C-alpha cells in the first residue's frame, strides 16, 4: 500500500512539474554577415601609357620588348585600333569589361648581359618611357581591361593660381562617384626625395557636380631635417570607392601643362 502511494505521489509531482516547466527558449537569431561585393568594372579612367618586358643588353643598357598599352597600371586588351604613340601621357576614359585571365603568356625574353642594379624607391616603377610612380590605390583592377571604346577624359583640370595648384574634378558620368578623394602629391627637393601629400574629400559627387582642391605649390616641413624640408607639387591623383567606374589615375603636373619646380633659394636648406 505504501509503495503504491509513493508511486502515485511521484507521478503526480512529475506531472505537475512538467505542467509548470518553462517553454523552450527560441534559438537566437543568427546574423548573416553581409559581404560587400565590388560591381564589375565597365569604365576605366587614367593616364594612357605603355608597359612591357625589359631586356638587358651586354653594354649595361636595355631595351623594352612585348610592349602593351596600359591605363595607369592596368593592362589593356584593345578590340579597337589605338594610336598608342599619340595617346601617351593623356587622360582617357575607356569602356569595356575586365578579363580576369590578364594578358596571357608572352614571348620569352633572353638577356644578353647582367641587368644594371638601380637604386630605386619602393614606389618607383621603371617602364619603356621612364620611371612612373605607383601611388597607393593604383593598379587595383585584377586582370586586363578589354577596351571596346576609348575617348579623351575632360573631367579633370589643373592650373596654377599664383603660388597655388588648383585641381577641379567634374563627374562627367551618369552615376554618382562615391567617397571621392583628390590627392596632391609632393616630391622632396633633395636627393632620392621623400614624399608628402595633401587631400580633399567628398562623400559623393553627383553627375555634373564638381569638387576642387587648392593647395600651395611648395610646402616646407618645419620639423624636417636640414636640407630635407622643402617639397614641390608633383601630381594629382583621383581615388573613389569601388563602383562600375574605376580610376587608375595619377597625372603628373608637367603632363597637365603646369610648371612646378623647386625654388632656387630652397627654404628648407640651411
Protein backbone atom coordinates (compact mmCIF):
# COMPACT_ATOMS: atom_id res chain seq x y z
CA UNK A 1 0.00 0.00 0.00
CA UNK A 2 2.76 2.41 0.95
CA UNK A 3 4.68 1.53 -2.21
CA UNK A 4 1.62 2.19 -4.40
CA UNK A 5 1.01 5.50 -2.66
CA UNK A 6 4.64 6.59 -3.17
CA UNK A 7 4.46 5.74 -6.86
CA UNK A 8 1.22 7.72 -7.23
CA UNK A 9 2.68 10.75 -5.45
CA UNK A 10 5.82 10.63 -7.61
CA UNK A 11 3.67 10.50 -10.74
CA UNK A 12 1.58 13.48 -9.61
CA UNK A 13 4.68 15.52 -8.68
CA UNK A 14 6.35 14.80 -12.02
CA UNK A 15 3.20 15.70 -13.96
CA UNK A 16 2.84 18.98 -12.06
CA UNK A 17 6.47 19.87 -12.64
CA UNK A 18 6.01 19.15 -16.30
CA UNK A 19 2.97 21.45 -16.39
CA UNK A 20 4.85 24.43 -14.91
CA UNK A 21 8.17 23.89 -16.75
CA UNK A 22 9.18 26.97 -18.78
CA UNK A 23 8.71 26.74 -22.54
CA UNK A 24 11.86 26.04 -24.55
CA UNK A 25 13.83 29.16 -25.44
CA UNK A 26 13.80 30.12 -29.11
CA UNK A 27 17.17 29.89 -30.80
CA UNK A 28 18.86 33.29 -31.09
CA UNK A 29 18.58 34.91 -34.47
CA UNK A 30 21.76 34.36 -36.42
CA UNK A 31 23.09 37.47 -38.05
CA UNK A 32 24.30 36.85 -41.57
CA UNK A 33 27.36 38.94 -42.32
CA UNK A 34 26.79 40.87 -45.50
CA UNK A 35 29.79 40.79 -47.79
CA UNK A 36 30.26 43.96 -49.77
CA UNK A 37 30.90 42.85 -53.34
CA UNK A 38 32.52 45.03 -55.93
CA UNK A 39 30.44 45.74 -59.02
CA UNK A 40 32.10 44.71 -62.28
CA UNK A 41 34.25 47.50 -63.72
CA UNK A 42 32.92 48.74 -67.05
CA UNK A 43 34.64 52.14 -67.17
CA UNK A 44 38.34 52.81 -66.59
CA UNK A 45 39.83 56.32 -66.26
CA UNK A 46 43.51 57.27 -66.13
CA UNK A 47 46.69 58.23 -67.94
CA UNK A 48 47.38 56.25 -71.11
CA UNK A 49 50.81 54.63 -71.27
CA UNK A 50 52.79 51.55 -72.25
CA UNK A 51 54.47 48.73 -70.40
CA UNK A 52 56.44 45.70 -71.45
CA UNK A 53 59.41 43.50 -70.61
CA UNK A 54 62.89 44.97 -70.13
CA UNK A 55 65.70 43.11 -71.89
CA UNK A 56 69.21 43.72 -70.57
CA UNK A 57 71.96 44.16 -73.17
CA UNK A 58 75.67 43.41 -72.99
CA UNK A 59 76.74 47.06 -72.59
CA UNK A 60 74.66 47.61 -69.40
CA UNK A 61 71.92 49.17 -71.48
CA UNK A 62 68.46 47.76 -72.03
CA UNK A 63 65.57 47.67 -74.45
CA UNK A 64 61.84 47.11 -73.99
CA UNK A 65 60.03 44.29 -75.76
CA UNK A 66 56.50 42.87 -75.79
CA UNK A 67 55.02 46.35 -75.41
CA UNK A 68 51.35 46.59 -74.49
CA UNK A 69 49.06 49.56 -73.66
CA UNK A 70 48.03 50.45 -70.12
CA UNK A 71 45.81 52.92 -68.31
CA UNK A 72 47.65 53.73 -65.11
CA UNK A 73 48.92 50.29 -64.09
CA UNK A 74 46.03 48.35 -65.67
CA UNK A 75 46.96 46.36 -68.81
CA UNK A 76 44.65 46.78 -71.79
CA UNK A 77 43.30 44.35 -74.36
CA UNK A 78 42.07 46.63 -77.15
CA UNK A 79 39.34 45.44 -79.50
CA UNK A 80 39.61 48.68 -81.49
CA UNK A 81 42.60 50.40 -83.16
CA UNK A 82 44.52 52.70 -80.79
CA UNK A 83 47.02 55.42 -81.65
CA UNK A 84 49.29 54.44 -78.78
CA UNK A 85 52.07 56.93 -79.54
CA UNK A 86 49.59 59.79 -79.87
CA UNK A 87 47.80 58.87 -76.65
CA UNK A 88 50.89 58.58 -74.42
CA UNK A 89 50.55 60.66 -71.25
CA UNK A 90 46.99 61.78 -71.97
CA UNK A 91 43.92 61.38 -69.78
CA UNK A 92 41.49 58.87 -71.27
CA UNK A 93 38.26 57.07 -70.37
CA UNK A 94 37.78 53.52 -71.67
CA UNK A 95 34.59 51.46 -71.82
CA UNK A 96 34.71 47.68 -71.72
CA UNK A 97 34.96 44.71 -69.37
CA UNK A 98 37.58 43.11 -67.15
CA UNK A 99 39.22 39.87 -68.30
CA UNK A 100 40.43 38.14 -65.08
CA UNK A 101 42.85 35.97 -67.07
CA UNK A 102 45.03 39.00 -67.82
CA UNK A 103 47.20 39.33 -70.90
CA UNK A 104 48.15 35.68 -71.19
CA UNK A 105 51.61 34.30 -71.93
CA UNK A 106 54.18 36.48 -73.65
CA UNK A 107 57.12 35.51 -75.80
CA UNK A 108 60.17 34.72 -73.61
CA UNK A 109 62.96 37.29 -73.46
CA UNK A 110 66.66 36.36 -73.29
CA UNK A 111 69.08 38.82 -71.73
CA UNK A 112 72.46 39.48 -73.39
CA UNK A 113 74.19 40.51 -70.17
CA UNK A 114 73.61 41.32 -66.49
CA UNK A 115 70.96 43.90 -65.68
CA UNK A 116 72.14 47.15 -64.10
CA UNK A 117 71.26 47.46 -60.42
CA UNK A 118 69.42 50.74 -59.94
CA UNK A 119 68.81 52.32 -56.54
CA UNK A 120 65.06 52.82 -56.71
CA UNK A 121 62.49 53.96 -54.22
CA UNK A 122 59.82 51.38 -53.42
CA UNK A 123 57.12 53.27 -55.35
CA UNK A 124 59.27 53.84 -58.46
CA UNK A 125 58.38 51.59 -61.39
CA UNK A 126 60.62 51.52 -64.44
CA UNK A 127 58.95 51.39 -67.83
CA UNK A 128 59.55 51.92 -71.55
CA UNK A 129 59.10 55.69 -71.15
CA UNK A 130 60.91 56.22 -67.85
CA UNK A 131 60.04 55.90 -64.18
CA UNK A 132 56.43 56.08 -63.05
CA UNK A 133 55.10 56.32 -59.52
CA UNK A 134 52.87 53.59 -58.10
CA UNK A 135 50.65 55.56 -55.74
CA UNK A 136 48.54 53.72 -53.13
CA UNK A 137 45.26 52.57 -54.68
CA UNK A 138 46.58 52.26 -58.22
CA UNK A 139 46.65 49.04 -60.23
CA UNK A 140 43.75 47.52 -58.26
CA UNK A 141 41.83 46.19 -61.30
CA UNK A 142 42.58 42.45 -61.35
CA UNK A 143 43.35 41.10 -64.80
CA UNK A 144 43.29 43.08 -68.03
CA UNK A 145 40.71 45.58 -69.25
CA UNK A 146 39.14 44.72 -72.61
CA UNK A 147 38.69 48.08 -74.35
CA UNK A 148 35.61 48.45 -76.53
CA UNK A 149 35.72 52.25 -76.76
CA UNK A 150 38.23 54.91 -75.70
CA UNK A 151 37.95 58.70 -75.62
CA UNK A 152 39.74 61.67 -74.02
CA UNK A 153 38.74 62.35 -70.41
CA UNK A 154 37.95 66.02 -69.85
CA UNK A 155 36.67 65.74 -66.28
CA UNK A 156 39.94 66.81 -64.61
CA UNK A 157 41.56 70.23 -64.99
CA UNK A 158 44.71 71.53 -63.27
CA UNK A 159 46.11 75.08 -63.25
CA UNK A 160 48.32 77.43 -61.26
CA UNK A 161 46.79 80.37 -59.43
CA UNK A 162 49.74 82.38 -58.14
CA UNK A 163 51.61 80.06 -55.81
CA UNK A 164 48.74 77.59 -55.52
CA UNK A 165 47.83 74.49 -57.51
CA UNK A 166 44.12 74.31 -58.33
CA UNK A 167 42.63 70.98 -59.47
CA UNK A 168 38.95 70.55 -60.38
CA UNK A 169 37.26 67.19 -60.87
CA UNK A 170 33.87 67.05 -62.61
CA UNK A 171 31.68 63.97 -62.60
CA UNK A 172 31.09 63.54 -66.33
CA UNK A 173 29.27 60.22 -65.82
CA UNK A 174 25.59 59.38 -65.34
CA UNK A 175 26.10 57.79 -61.89
CA UNK A 176 27.46 59.29 -58.65
CA UNK A 177 31.10 58.88 -57.66
CA UNK A 178 31.37 57.63 -54.07
CA UNK A 179 33.95 58.62 -51.43
CA UNK A 180 35.96 60.76 -53.84
CA UNK A 181 39.50 61.83 -52.91
CA UNK A 182 41.71 64.30 -54.73
CA UNK A 183 45.36 63.95 -53.70
CA UNK A 184 48.07 66.47 -54.50
CA UNK A 185 51.35 64.56 -54.20
CA UNK A 186 54.61 66.34 -53.43
CA UNK A 187 58.19 65.27 -54.12
CA UNK A 188 61.11 66.45 -51.98
CA UNK A 189 63.63 68.98 -53.31
CA UNK A 190 66.60 66.81 -52.33
CA UNK A 191 68.44 63.66 -53.43
CA UNK A 192 66.33 60.46 -53.53
CA UNK A 193 63.39 62.57 -52.40
CA UNK A 194 60.74 61.74 -49.88
CA UNK A 195 57.08 62.49 -50.44
CA UNK A 196 54.21 64.44 -48.94
CA UNK A 197 50.51 64.67 -49.80
CA UNK A 198 47.52 66.98 -49.35
CA UNK A 199 43.94 65.68 -49.81
CA UNK A 200 40.37 66.91 -50.19
CA UNK A 201 37.40 64.52 -49.93
CA UNK A 202 33.71 64.34 -50.74
CA UNK A 203 31.36 61.52 -49.69
CA UNK A 204 29.58 61.68 -53.03
CA UNK A 205 29.97 63.59 -56.27
CA UNK A 206 26.70 63.62 -58.22
CA UNK A 207 26.59 63.66 -62.03
CA UNK A 208 27.51 67.10 -63.31
CA UNK A 209 28.90 68.28 -59.95
CA UNK A 210 32.47 69.48 -59.34
CA UNK A 211 34.95 69.40 -56.47
CA UNK A 212 38.11 71.48 -56.19
CA UNK A 213 41.48 71.13 -54.49
CA UNK A 214 43.54 74.26 -53.83
CA UNK A 215 46.95 73.79 -52.21
CA UNK A 216 50.39 75.51 -52.15
CA UNK A 217 52.76 74.64 -54.97
CA UNK A 218 55.66 74.41 -52.49
CA UNK A 219 55.43 73.27 -48.86
CA UNK A 220 58.06 73.27 -46.13
CA UNK A 221 58.13 70.79 -43.27
CA UNK A 222 59.35 72.81 -40.25
CA UNK A 223 60.22 69.61 -38.37
CA UNK A 224 62.22 68.06 -41.22
CA UNK A 225 65.96 67.56 -41.14
CA UNK A 226 68.16 70.29 -42.51
CA UNK A 227 68.19 70.09 -46.31
CA UNK A 228 65.16 67.75 -46.41
CA UNK A 229 62.28 70.08 -45.67
CA UNK A 230 61.09 71.50 -48.99
CA UNK A 231 58.60 69.73 -51.26
CA UNK A 232 57.17 70.72 -54.64
CA UNK A 233 53.79 69.71 -56.04
CA UNK A 234 54.26 66.77 -58.40
CA UNK A 235 50.99 65.10 -59.47
CA UNK A 236 47.23 64.88 -59.00
CA UNK A 237 45.65 61.54 -58.11
CA UNK A 238 41.95 60.64 -58.17
CA UNK A 239 40.56 57.86 -55.98
CA UNK A 240 36.99 56.65 -55.43
CA UNK A 241 35.29 53.73 -53.73
CA UNK A 242 34.74 50.68 -55.96
CA UNK A 243 31.90 51.17 -58.43
CA UNK A 244 31.49 50.32 -62.10
CA UNK A 245 33.80 53.31 -62.72
CA UNK A 246 37.42 52.72 -61.71
CA UNK A 247 40.13 55.41 -61.53
CA UNK A 248 43.73 54.31 -62.06
CA UNK A 249 44.87 57.89 -62.32
CA UNK A 250 47.94 59.82 -61.22
CA UNK A 251 48.55 62.79 -63.53
CA UNK A 252 52.00 64.44 -63.40
CA UNK A 253 51.63 68.22 -63.32
CA UNK A 254 54.08 68.54 -66.19
CA UNK A 255 51.75 66.47 -68.36
CA UNK A 256 48.91 68.77 -67.30
CA UNK A 257 50.88 71.79 -68.50
CA UNK A 258 51.60 73.09 -65.00
CA UNK A 259 55.19 74.02 -64.18
CA UNK A 260 56.20 73.04 -60.67
CA UNK A 261 59.87 73.44 -59.81
CA UNK A 262 61.81 73.56 -56.59
CA UNK A 263 62.68 77.12 -55.51
CA UNK A 264 66.22 78.33 -56.26
CA UNK A 265 66.67 79.52 -52.67
CA UNK A 266 65.33 76.35 -51.06
CA UNK A 267 63.79 77.47 -47.75
CA UNK A 268 64.32 74.05 -46.24
CA UNK A 269 68.09 74.08 -46.66
CA UNK A 270 70.36 75.70 -44.10
